[in-house]
C-alpha atoms as a PDB file:
ATOM      1  CA  MET A   1       0.103  -0.242  -0.161  1.00  0.00           C
ATOM      2  CA  ARG A   2       1.388   3.400  -1.055  1.00  0.00           C
ATOM      3  CA  HIS A   3       2.049   5.514   2.108  1.00  0.00           C
ATOM      4  CA  LEU A   4       0.526   8.737   1.554  1.00  0.00           C
ATOM      5  CA  LEU A   5       2.759  11.719   2.568  1.00  0.00           C
ATOM      6  CA  ASN A   6       2.541  15.796   2.932  1.00  0.00           C
ATOM      7  CA  THR A   7       1.091  18.550   0.587  1.00  0.00           C
ATOM      8  CA  LEU A   8       3.344  21.930   1.026  1.00  0.00           C
ATOM      9  CA  PHE A   9       1.064  25.065   0.013  1.00  0.00           C
ATOM     10  CA  VAL A  10       3.239  28.356  -0.508  1.00  0.00           C
ATOM     11  CA  LEU A  11       0.623  31.348  -0.395  1.00  0.00           C
ATOM     12  CA  THR A  12       2.890  34.052   0.055  1.00  0.00           C
ATOM     13  CA  GLU A  13       2.952  35.828  -3.338  1.00  0.00           C
ATOM     14  CA  ASP A  14       6.661  36.800  -3.325  1.00  0.00           C
ATOM     15  CA  ALA A  15       8.029  33.490  -1.982  1.00  0.00           C
ATOM     16  CA  TYR A  16      11.435  31.482  -3.658  1.00  0.00           C
ATOM     17  CA  LEU A  17      11.216  28.249  -3.213  1.00  0.00           C
ATOM     18  CA  SER A  18      14.985  26.241  -3.504  1.00  0.00           C
ATOM     19  CA  LEU A  19      16.448  23.214  -1.914  1.00  0.00           C
ATOM     20  CA  ASP A  20      19.205  23.035   0.562  1.00  0.00           C
ATOM     21  CA  GLY A  21      20.749  19.176   1.174  1.00  0.00           C
ATOM     22  CA  GLU A  22      17.465  17.571   1.742  1.00  0.00           C
ATOM     23  CA  ASN A  23      15.353  20.466   2.479  1.00  0.00           C
ATOM     24  CA  VAL A  24      12.688  22.938   0.036  1.00  0.00           C
ATOM     25  CA  VAL A  25      13.766  26.265   1.756  1.00  0.00           C
ATOM     26  CA  ILE A  26      11.186  28.891   1.455  1.00  0.00           C
ATOM     27  CA  SER A  27      12.547  32.605   1.341  1.00  0.00           C
ATOM     28  CA  GLN A  28      11.689  36.012   0.793  1.00  0.00           C
ATOM     29  CA  GLU A  29      13.817  38.973   0.168  1.00  0.00           C
ATOM     30  CA  LYS A  30      16.679  36.953   0.529  1.00  0.00           C
ATOM     31  CA  ARG A  31      15.419  35.847   4.324  1.00  0.00           C
ATOM     32  CA  GLU A  32      14.672  32.050   5.231  1.00  0.00           C
ATOM     33  CA  THR A  33      10.694  31.445   6.252  1.00  0.00           C
ATOM     34  CA  GLY A  34      10.491  28.106   6.077  1.00  0.00           C
ATOM     35  CA  ARG A  35      12.090  24.876   6.244  1.00  0.00           C
ATOM     36  CA  PHE A  36      10.390  21.673   5.529  1.00  0.00           C
ATOM     37  CA  PRO A  37      12.026  18.200   4.514  1.00  0.00           C
ATOM     38  CA  LEU A  38      11.956  17.196   0.964  1.00  0.00           C
ATOM     39  CA  HIS A  39      11.224  13.331   1.423  1.00  0.00           C
ATOM     40  CA  THR A  40       8.346  14.209   3.590  1.00  0.00           C
ATOM     41  CA  LEU A  41       6.361  15.901   0.489  1.00  0.00           C
ATOM     42  CA  GLU A  42       4.665  14.502  -2.155  1.00  0.00           C
ATOM     43  CA  ASN A  43       2.991  17.717  -3.469  1.00  0.00           C
ATOM     44  CA  ILE A  44       4.531  21.126  -3.577  1.00  0.00           C
ATOM     45  CA  VAL A  45       1.923  23.829  -4.437  1.00  0.00           C
ATOM     46  CA  SER A  46       2.895  27.754  -4.869  1.00  0.00           C
ATOM     47  CA  PHE A  47       1.267  30.456  -5.387  1.00  0.00           C
ATOM     48  CA  SER A  48       4.129  32.585  -5.683  1.00  0.00           C
ATOM     49  CA  TYR A  49       5.403  34.832  -8.476  1.00  0.00           C
ATOM     50  CA  ALA A  50       9.101  34.932  -8.041  1.00  0.00           C
ATOM     51  CA  GLY A  51       8.716  30.516  -8.829  1.00  0.00           C
ATOM     52  CA  ALA A  52      11.713  27.719  -8.057  1.00  0.00           C
ATOM     53  CA  SER A  53      14.882  27.202  -8.540  1.00  0.00           C
ATOM     54  CA  PRO A  54      16.230  24.742 -11.355  1.00  0.00           C
ATOM     55  CA  HIS A  55      17.744  22.629  -8.293  1.00  0.00           C
ATOM     56  CA  LEU A  56      14.785  21.693  -6.631  1.00  0.00           C
ATOM     57  CA  MET A  57      12.893  21.176  -9.843  1.00  0.00           C
ATOM     58  CA  GLY A  58      15.049  18.670 -10.756  1.00  0.00           C
ATOM     59  CA  ALA A  59      14.891  16.786  -7.321  1.00  0.00           C
ATOM     60  CA  CYS A  60      11.164  17.297  -7.580  1.00  0.00           C
ATOM     61  CA  GLY A  61      11.370  15.467 -11.143  1.00  0.00           C
ATOM     62  CA  GLU A  62      13.441  12.574  -9.904  1.00  0.00           C
ATOM     63  CA  ARG A  63      11.425  11.987  -6.756  1.00  0.00           C
ATOM     64  CA  ASP A  64       8.265  12.126  -8.326  1.00  0.00           C
ATOM     65  CA  VAL A  65       7.169  15.199  -6.010  1.00  0.00           C
ATOM     66  CA  ASN A  66       4.330  17.091  -7.837  1.00  0.00           C
ATOM     67  CA  LEU A  67       5.285  20.417  -8.163  1.00  0.00           C
ATOM     68  CA  CYS A  68       2.781  23.206  -9.809  1.00  0.00           C
ATOM     69  CA  PHE A  69       2.449  26.539  -9.851  1.00  0.00           C
ATOM     70  CA  PHE A  70      -0.650  28.776  -9.844  1.00  0.00           C
ATOM     71  CA  THR A  71      -0.849  32.785  -9.757  1.00  0.00           C
ATOM     72  CA  PRO A  72      -1.638  34.441  -6.131  1.00  0.00           C
ATOM     73  CA  THR A  73      -5.028  34.297  -7.611  1.00  0.00           C
ATOM     74  CA  GLY A  74      -6.013  31.000  -8.517  1.00  0.00           C
ATOM     75  CA  ARG A  75      -4.745  30.036 -11.940  1.00  0.00           C
ATOM     76  CA  PHE A  76      -3.025  27.429 -12.833  1.00  0.00           C
ATOM     77  CA  LEU A  77       0.291  27.999 -14.852  1.00  0.00           C
ATOM     78  CA  ALA A  78       2.287  24.771 -14.832  1.00  0.00           C
ATOM     79  CA  ARG A  79       3.301  22.001 -13.522  1.00  0.00           C
ATOM     80  CA  VAL A  80       6.918  20.089 -13.333  1.00  0.00           C
ATOM     81  CA  SER A  81       7.051  16.571 -15.009  1.00  0.00           C
ATOM     82  CA  GLY A  82      10.756  14.346 -14.355  1.00  0.00           C
ATOM     83  CA  GLU A  83      11.652  11.977 -16.860  1.00  0.00           C
ATOM     84  CA  SER A  84       8.793   9.417 -18.067  1.00  0.00           C
ATOM     85  CA  ARG A  85       8.002   6.279 -15.842  1.00  0.00           C
ATOM     86  CA  GLY A  86       6.881   3.242 -16.551  1.00  0.00           C
ATOM     87  CA  SER A  87       6.645   0.691 -19.575  1.00  0.00           C
ATOM     88  CA  VAL A  88       6.345   2.079 -22.912  1.00  0.00           C
ATOM     89  CA  LEU A  89       4.345  -1.282 -23.494  1.00  0.00           C
ATOM     90  CA  LEU A  90       1.510   0.454 -21.034  1.00  0.00           C
ATOM     91  CA  ARG A  91       1.272   3.427 -22.997  1.00  0.00           C
ATOM     92  CA  ARG A  92       1.166   1.880 -26.526  1.00  0.00           C
ATOM     93  CA  THR A  93      -1.377   0.103 -24.946  1.00  0.00           C
ATOM     94  CA  GLN A  94      -3.629   3.162 -23.499  1.00  0.00           C
ATOM     95  CA  TYR A  95      -2.937   5.153 -26.881  1.00  0.00           C
ATOM     96  CA  ARG A  96      -4.604   1.395 -28.985  1.00  0.00           C
ATOM     97  CA  LEU A  97      -7.832   1.853 -26.372  1.00  0.00           C
ATOM     98  CA  ALA A  98      -8.139   5.527 -26.881  1.00  0.00           C
ATOM     99  CA  ASP A  99      -8.225   5.301 -30.672  1.00  0.00           C
ATOM    100  CA  SER A 100     -11.556   2.577 -30.377  1.00  0.00           C
ATOM    101  CA  GLN A 101     -14.594   4.714 -29.289  1.00  0.00           C
ATOM    102  CA  GLN A 102     -16.002   1.153 -27.976  1.00  0.00           C
ATOM    103  CA  GLU A 103     -12.831   0.900 -25.962  1.00  0.00           C
ATOM    104  CA  SER A 104     -12.765   3.990 -24.305  1.00  0.00           C
ATOM    105  CA  ALA A 105     -16.720   3.898 -23.820  1.00  0.00           C
ATOM    106  CA  LYS A 106     -16.435   0.591 -21.710  1.00  0.00           C
ATOM    107  CA  ILE A 107     -13.542   2.530 -19.484  1.00  0.00           C
ATOM    108  CA  ALA A 108     -15.323   6.061 -19.278  1.00  0.00           C
ATOM    109  CA  ARG A 109     -18.873   4.189 -17.860  1.00  0.00           C
ATOM    110  CA  ASN A 110     -17.059   2.865 -14.926  1.00  0.00           C
ATOM    111  CA  MET A 111     -15.411   6.539 -14.409  1.00  0.00           C
ATOM    112  CA  ILE A 112     -19.464   8.076 -15.034  1.00  0.00           C
ATOM    113  CA  VAL A 113     -21.046   5.256 -12.762  1.00  0.00           C
ATOM    114  CA  GLY A 114     -18.269   6.302 -10.149  1.00  0.00           C
ATOM    115  CA  LYS A 115     -19.199  10.064 -10.446  1.00  0.00           C
ATOM    116  CA  VAL A 116     -22.513   9.392 -10.394  1.00  0.00           C
ATOM    117  CA  TYR A 117     -23.009   7.117  -7.706  1.00  0.00           C
ATOM    118  CA  ASN A 118     -20.484   9.127  -5.955  1.00  0.00           C
ATOM    119  CA  CYS A 119     -22.502  12.555  -6.611  1.00  0.00           C
ATOM    120  CA  ARG A 120     -25.983  10.566  -5.335  1.00  0.00           C
ATOM    121  CA  TRP A 121     -24.121   9.961  -1.701  1.00  0.00           C
ATOM    122  CA  SER A 122     -23.350  12.936  -1.197  1.00  0.00           C
ATOM    123  CA  ILE A 123     -26.955  14.662  -1.743  1.00  0.00           C
ATOM    124  CA  GLU A 124     -27.575  11.525   0.398  1.00  0.00           C
ATOM    125  CA  ARG A 125     -25.480  12.138   3.479  1.00  0.00           C
ATOM    126  CA  THR A 126     -26.848  15.776   3.541  1.00  0.00           C
ATOM    127  CA  ARG A 127     -30.165  14.940   3.554  1.00  0.00           C
ATOM    128  CA  ARG A 128     -29.695  12.224   6.327  1.00  0.00           C
ATOM    129  CA  ASP A 129     -26.971  14.737   9.002  1.00  0.00           C
ATOM    130  CA  HIS A 130     -29.692  18.420   7.769  1.00  0.00           C
ATOM    131  CA  GLY A 131     -33.107  16.619   7.064  1.00  0.00           C
ATOM    132  CA  ILE A 132     -34.724  19.474   8.851  1.00  0.00           C
ATOM    133  CA  ARG A 133     -32.679  22.286   7.231  1.00  0.00           C
ATOM    134  CA  VAL A 134     -32.905  21.449   3.664  1.00  0.00           C
ATOM    135  CA  ASN A 135     -35.643  21.271   1.066  1.00  0.00           C
ATOM    136  CA  VAL A 136     -35.835  17.268   1.882  1.00  0.00           C
ATOM    137  CA  GLU A 137     -38.119  16.734  -1.656  1.00  0.00           C
ATOM    138  CA  THR A 138     -35.289  18.745  -4.154  1.00  0.00           C
ATOM    139  CA  LEU A 139     -32.979  16.402  -2.434  1.00  0.00           C
ATOM    140  CA  SER A 140     -34.807  13.092  -3.067  1.00  0.00           C
ATOM    141  CA  ALA A 141     -35.722  14.185  -6.378  1.00  0.00           C
ATOM    142  CA  ALA A 142     -31.766  14.997  -7.420  1.00  0.00           C
ATOM    143  CA  SER A 143     -30.955  11.504  -5.947  1.00  0.00           C
ATOM    144  CA  GLU A 144     -34.148   9.452  -7.236  1.00  0.00           C
ATOM    145  CA  LEU A 145     -32.814  10.492 -10.712  1.00  0.00           C
ATOM    146  CA  LEU A 146     -29.113   9.636 -10.289  1.00  0.00           C
ATOM    147  CA  ALA A 147     -30.067   5.856  -8.981  1.00  0.00           C
ATOM    148  CA  ASN A 148     -32.111   5.531 -11.986  1.00  0.00           C
ATOM    149  CA  GLN A 149     -29.458   6.586 -14.401  1.00  0.00           C
ATOM    150  CA  LEU A 150     -26.745   3.976 -13.602  1.00  0.00           C
ATOM    151  CA  PRO A 151     -28.719   1.287 -14.934  1.00  0.00           C
ATOM    152  CA  LEU A 152     -28.758   3.110 -18.029  1.00  0.00           C
ATOM    153  CA  ILE A 153     -24.404   4.253 -17.686  1.00  0.00           C
ATOM    154  CA  ARG A 154     -23.915   0.754 -17.258  1.00  0.00           C
ATOM    155  CA  GLU A 155     -25.433  -0.316 -20.560  1.00  0.00           C
ATOM    156  CA  ALA A 156     -24.136   2.566 -22.865  1.00  0.00           C
ATOM    157  CA  GLU A 157     -21.839   1.170 -25.370  1.00  0.00           C
ATOM    158  CA  GLU A 158     -21.523   4.925 -27.367  1.00  0.00           C
ATOM    159  CA  LEU A 159     -19.577   7.862 -25.652  1.00  0.00           C
ATOM    160  CA  GLU A 160     -22.051  10.074 -27.125  1.00  0.00           C
ATOM    161  CA  VAL A 161     -24.499   8.617 -25.284  1.00  0.00           C
ATOM    162  CA  LEU A 162     -22.558   8.251 -22.578  1.00  0.00           C
ATOM    163  CA  ARG A 163     -21.765  12.791 -22.492  1.00  0.00           C
ATOM    164  CA  GLY A 164     -25.690  12.646 -22.534  1.00  0.00           C
ATOM    165  CA  ILE A 165     -26.867  10.526 -19.345  1.00  0.00           C
ATOM    166  CA  GLU A 166     -23.664  12.218 -17.607  1.00  0.00           C
ATOM    167  CA  GLY A 167     -24.622  15.559 -18.781  1.00  0.00           C
ATOM    168  CA  LYS A 168     -28.335  14.973 -17.488  1.00  0.00           C
ATOM    169  CA  CYS A 169     -27.252  14.167 -14.163  1.00  0.00           C
ATOM    170  CA  ALA A 170     -24.568  16.817 -13.950  1.00  0.00           C
ATOM    171  CA  VAL A 171     -27.876  19.312 -14.119  1.00  0.00           C
ATOM    172  CA  SER A 172     -29.488  17.626 -11.387  1.00  0.00           C
ATOM    173  CA  TYR A 173     -26.776  17.449  -9.448  1.00  0.00           C
ATOM    174  CA  PHE A 174     -26.231  20.842  -9.537  1.00  0.00           C
ATOM    175  CA  GLU A 175     -29.667  21.992  -9.631  1.00  0.00           C
ATOM    176  CA  ALA A 176     -29.297  20.059  -5.694  1.00  0.00           C
ATOM    177  CA  LEU A 177     -25.928  22.137  -4.794  1.00  0.00           C
ATOM    178  CA  ASP A 178     -27.322  24.906  -3.539  1.00  0.00           C
ATOM    179  CA  GLU A 179     -29.310  23.172  -0.881  1.00  0.00           C
ATOM    180  CA  MET A 180     -26.192  21.535   0.703  1.00  0.00           C
ATOM    181  CA  ILE A 181     -24.990  25.087   1.390  1.00  0.00           C
ATOM    182  CA  LEU A 182     -26.143  25.716   4.566  1.00  0.00           C
ATOM    183  CA  SER A 183     -24.343  28.673   5.868  1.00  0.00           C
ATOM    184  CA  ASN A 184     -24.098  32.483   4.949  1.00  0.00           C
ATOM    185  CA  LYS A 185     -26.258  32.352   2.131  1.00  0.00           C
ATOM    186  CA  SER A 186     -26.196  36.246   1.164  1.00  0.00           C
ATOM    187  CA  GLU A 187     -22.167  35.543   0.253  1.00  0.00           C
ATOM    188  CA  PHE A 188     -22.656  31.460  -0.609  1.00  0.00           C
ATOM    189  CA  TYR A 189     -25.229  30.716  -3.342  1.00  0.00           C
ATOM    190  CA  PHE A 190     -25.015  28.444  -6.487  1.00  0.00           C
ATOM    191  CA  ARG A 191     -27.063  29.435  -9.281  1.00  0.00           C
ATOM    192  CA  GLY A 192     -25.850  26.851 -11.330  1.00  0.00           C
ATOM    193  CA  ARG A 193     -22.174  26.067 -12.692  1.00  0.00           C
ATOM    194  CA  ASN A 194     -19.491  29.079 -14.396  1.00  0.00           C
ATOM    195  CA  ARG A 195     -16.116  29.549 -14.859  1.00  0.00           C
ATOM    196  CA  ARG A 196     -13.165  31.497 -16.948  1.00  0.00           C
ATOM    197  CA  PRO A 197     -13.766  33.210 -14.611  1.00  0.00           C
ATOM    198  CA  PRO A 198     -16.014  32.056 -11.954  1.00  0.00           C
ATOM    199  CA  LEU A 199     -19.073  34.882 -10.811  1.00  0.00           C
ATOM    200  CA  ASP A 200     -19.830  34.075  -7.808  1.00  0.00           C
ATOM    201  CA  ASN A 201     -18.096  32.876  -4.064  1.00  0.00           C
ATOM    202  CA  VAL A 202     -19.133  29.165  -4.765  1.00  0.00           C
ATOM    203  CA  ASN A 203     -17.855  28.771  -8.170  1.00  0.00           C
ATOM    204  CA  ALA A 204     -14.678  30.262  -7.647  1.00  0.00           C
ATOM    205  CA  LEU A 205     -14.221  27.314  -5.181  1.00  0.00           C
ATOM    206  CA  LEU A 206     -15.250  24.742  -7.160  1.00  0.00           C
ATOM    207  CA  SER A 207     -12.866  25.858 -10.143  1.00  0.00           C
ATOM    208  CA  PHE A 208      -9.966  26.074  -7.602  1.00  0.00           C
ATOM    209  CA  ALA A 209     -10.509  22.336  -5.989  1.00  0.00           C
ATOM    210  CA  TYR A 210     -11.227  21.147  -9.544  1.00  0.00           C
ATOM    211  CA  SER A 211      -7.284  22.717 -10.416  1.00  0.00           C
ATOM    212  CA  LEU A 212      -5.873  21.311  -7.168  1.00  0.00           C
ATOM    213  CA  LEU A 213      -7.307  17.734  -8.472  1.00  0.00           C
ATOM    214  CA  SER A 214      -6.585  17.618 -11.844  1.00  0.00           C
ATOM    215  CA  HIS A 215      -3.036  18.187 -10.719  1.00  0.00           C
ATOM    216  CA  ASP A 216      -2.758  15.842  -7.961  1.00  0.00           C
ATOM    217  CA  CYS A 217      -4.605  13.104 -10.398  1.00  0.00           C
ATOM    218  CA  ALA A 218      -2.035  14.475 -13.501  1.00  0.00           C
ATOM    219  CA  GLY A 219       0.882  13.669 -11.130  1.00  0.00           C
ATOM    220  CA  ALA A 220      -0.438  10.300 -10.022  1.00  0.00           C
ATOM    221  CA  LEU A 221      -0.564   8.873 -13.749  1.00  0.00           C
ATOM    222  CA  SER A 222       2.469   9.915 -14.858  1.00  0.00           C
ATOM    223  CA  SER A 223       4.398   8.554 -11.685  1.00  0.00           C
ATOM    224  CA  VAL A 224       2.370   5.124 -12.574  1.00  0.00           C
ATOM    225  CA  GLY A 225       3.893   5.374 -16.521  1.00  0.00           C
ATOM    226  CA  LEU A 226      -0.006   6.562 -17.836  1.00  0.00           C
ATOM    227  CA  ASP A 227       0.223   9.277 -20.388  1.00  0.00           C
ATOM    228  CA  PRO A 228      -2.010  12.037 -18.247  1.00  0.00           C
ATOM    229  CA  TYR A 229      -3.231  14.031 -21.798  1.00  0.00           C
ATOM    230  CA  VAL A 230      -4.704  10.659 -23.909  1.00  0.00           C
ATOM    231  CA  GLY A 231      -8.374   9.924 -22.253  1.00  0.00           C
ATOM    232  CA  PHE A 232     -11.129   8.243 -23.443  1.00  0.00           C
ATOM    233  CA  LEU A 233     -14.049  10.074 -22.239  1.00  0.00           C
ATOM    234  CA  HIS A 234     -12.325  13.210 -22.672  1.00  0.00           C
ATOM    235  CA  ARG A 235     -10.523  13.340 -25.905  1.00  0.00           C
ATOM    236  CA  ASP A 236      -7.783  14.618 -27.368  1.00  0.00           C
ATOM    237  CA  ARG A 237      -7.134  18.704 -27.219  1.00  0.00           C
ATOM    238  CA  PRO A 238      -3.548  20.151 -27.159  1.00  0.00           C
ATOM    239  CA  GLY A 239      -2.383  21.204 -23.632  1.00  0.00           C
ATOM    240  CA  ARG A 240      -5.214  19.472 -22.036  1.00  0.00           C
ATOM    241  CA  VAL A 241      -4.783  16.223 -19.535  1.00  0.00           C
ATOM    242  CA  SER A 242      -7.441  14.074 -20.722  1.00  0.00           C
ATOM    243  CA  LEU A 243      -6.620  11.600 -18.879  1.00  0.00           C
ATOM    244  CA  ALA A 244      -6.370  13.000 -15.388  1.00  0.00           C
ATOM    245  CA  LEU A 245     -10.105  14.825 -16.160  1.00  0.00           C
ATOM    246  CA  ASP A 246     -11.434  11.275 -16.977  1.00  0.00           C
ATOM    247  CA  LEU A 247     -10.131  10.160 -13.666  1.00  0.00           C
ATOM    248  CA  MET A 248     -11.387  12.957 -11.845  1.00  0.00           C
ATOM    249  CA  GLU A 249     -14.950  12.644 -12.663  1.00  0.00           C
ATOM    250  CA  GLU A 250     -15.740  10.365  -9.641  1.00  0.00           C
ATOM    251  CA  LEU A 251     -13.643  12.243  -7.593  1.00  0.00           C
ATOM    252  CA  ARG A 252     -15.349  16.006  -8.060  1.00  0.00           C
ATOM    253  CA  GLY A 253     -18.265  14.861  -5.820  1.00  0.00           C
ATOM    254  CA  VAL A 254     -16.681  13.206  -2.723  1.00  0.00           C
ATOM    255  CA  MET A 255     -13.329  15.375  -2.321  1.00  0.00           C
ATOM    256  CA  ALA A 256     -14.068  18.815  -4.359  1.00  0.00           C
ATOM    257  CA  ASP A 257     -17.694  19.582  -4.294  1.00  0.00           C
ATOM    258  CA  ARG A 258     -17.098  17.939  -0.170  1.00  0.00           C
ATOM    259  CA  PHE A 259     -14.486  19.627   0.347  1.00  0.00           C
ATOM    260  CA  VAL A 260     -16.072  23.175  -0.878  1.00  0.00           C
ATOM    261  CA  LEU A 261     -19.100  22.729   0.962  1.00  0.00           C
ATOM    262  CA  THR A 262     -17.143  21.489   4.241  1.00  0.00           C
ATOM    263  CA  LEU A 263     -15.300  25.058   4.398  1.00  0.00           C
ATOM    264  CA  ILE A 264     -18.811  26.901   3.878  1.00  0.00           C
ATOM    265  CA  ASN A 265     -20.591  25.120   6.134  1.00  0.00           C
ATOM    266  CA  ASN A 266     -18.087  25.513   8.883  1.00  0.00           C
ATOM    267  CA  ARG A 267     -17.548  29.089   8.174  1.00  0.00           C
ATOM    268  CA  VAL A 268     -13.369  28.562   7.593  1.00  0.00           C
ATOM    269  CA  LEU A 269     -13.991  31.010   5.084  1.00  0.00           C
ATOM    270  CA  GLY A 270     -16.672  34.113   4.858  1.00  0.00           C
ATOM    271  CA  GLY A 271     -17.101  36.199   1.879  1.00  0.00           C
ATOM    272  CA  GLY A 272     -14.099  38.847   3.105  1.00  0.00           C
ATOM    273  CA  ASP A 273     -12.144  35.664   1.650  1.00  0.00           C
ATOM    274  CA  PHE A 274     -12.627  36.940  -2.016  1.00  0.00           C
ATOM    275  CA  LEU A 275     -10.936  39.843  -3.816  1.00  0.00           C
ATOM    276  CA  LYS A 276     -13.944  40.207  -6.989  1.00  0.00           C
ATOM    277  CA  ARG A 277     -12.635  42.140  -9.998  1.00  0.00           C
END
């Protein structure tokens, strides 16, 4: 079983990352402000414009430590990738399967089943734990629709059919998402998914969480020798980590969405934590 390590988040805008021996050193204006052993990390996420030293980037690539850069406002910039790992035969098999619409659909439908199942689980959790505070009829209707679509997904043999069912489930799930927000409704409300740019606080949080999740998925795929840019549900597009987006699908509801709901409902974040332009 793989031992899960830590993720280092660097939020200071002018922080510079370097490597000293076996330690990641964070500096501001040539003054050391933090030091962390590299062997205890599996991810480094930097929101600084200052960047990182080539020595640190090389060490992260050699040791499969995912190093990712965002702007201070949370827009994804770049990810450091080391030497390709794993067997070339594994990647050739991946490419052959991706070239076949039929084989791609067989793999993609398992991902969509996981996504719909987990989204329904998230809805049911809110209905169970907060039945007095939410519109139970809205959540029950969304949960029932998702449950009814699961057998159809398992029988789907074409990608377009899968995308149609997935889209229908996503609409129903997002219609129920606002009911799952229990605190500070004046600042945190959900009227539908929007992005690039997100137009409200909840969509900003969702986009940010999805960016972090896609970075983790891409790094995990690269570490086992798969090509994160060649997917099955998400087809090829220059610069898009399609297989990472595929892998994300069943993790969105239980990791990204549930994480965002926890931050809001537990009042970890407030309206003052957002900069609107």
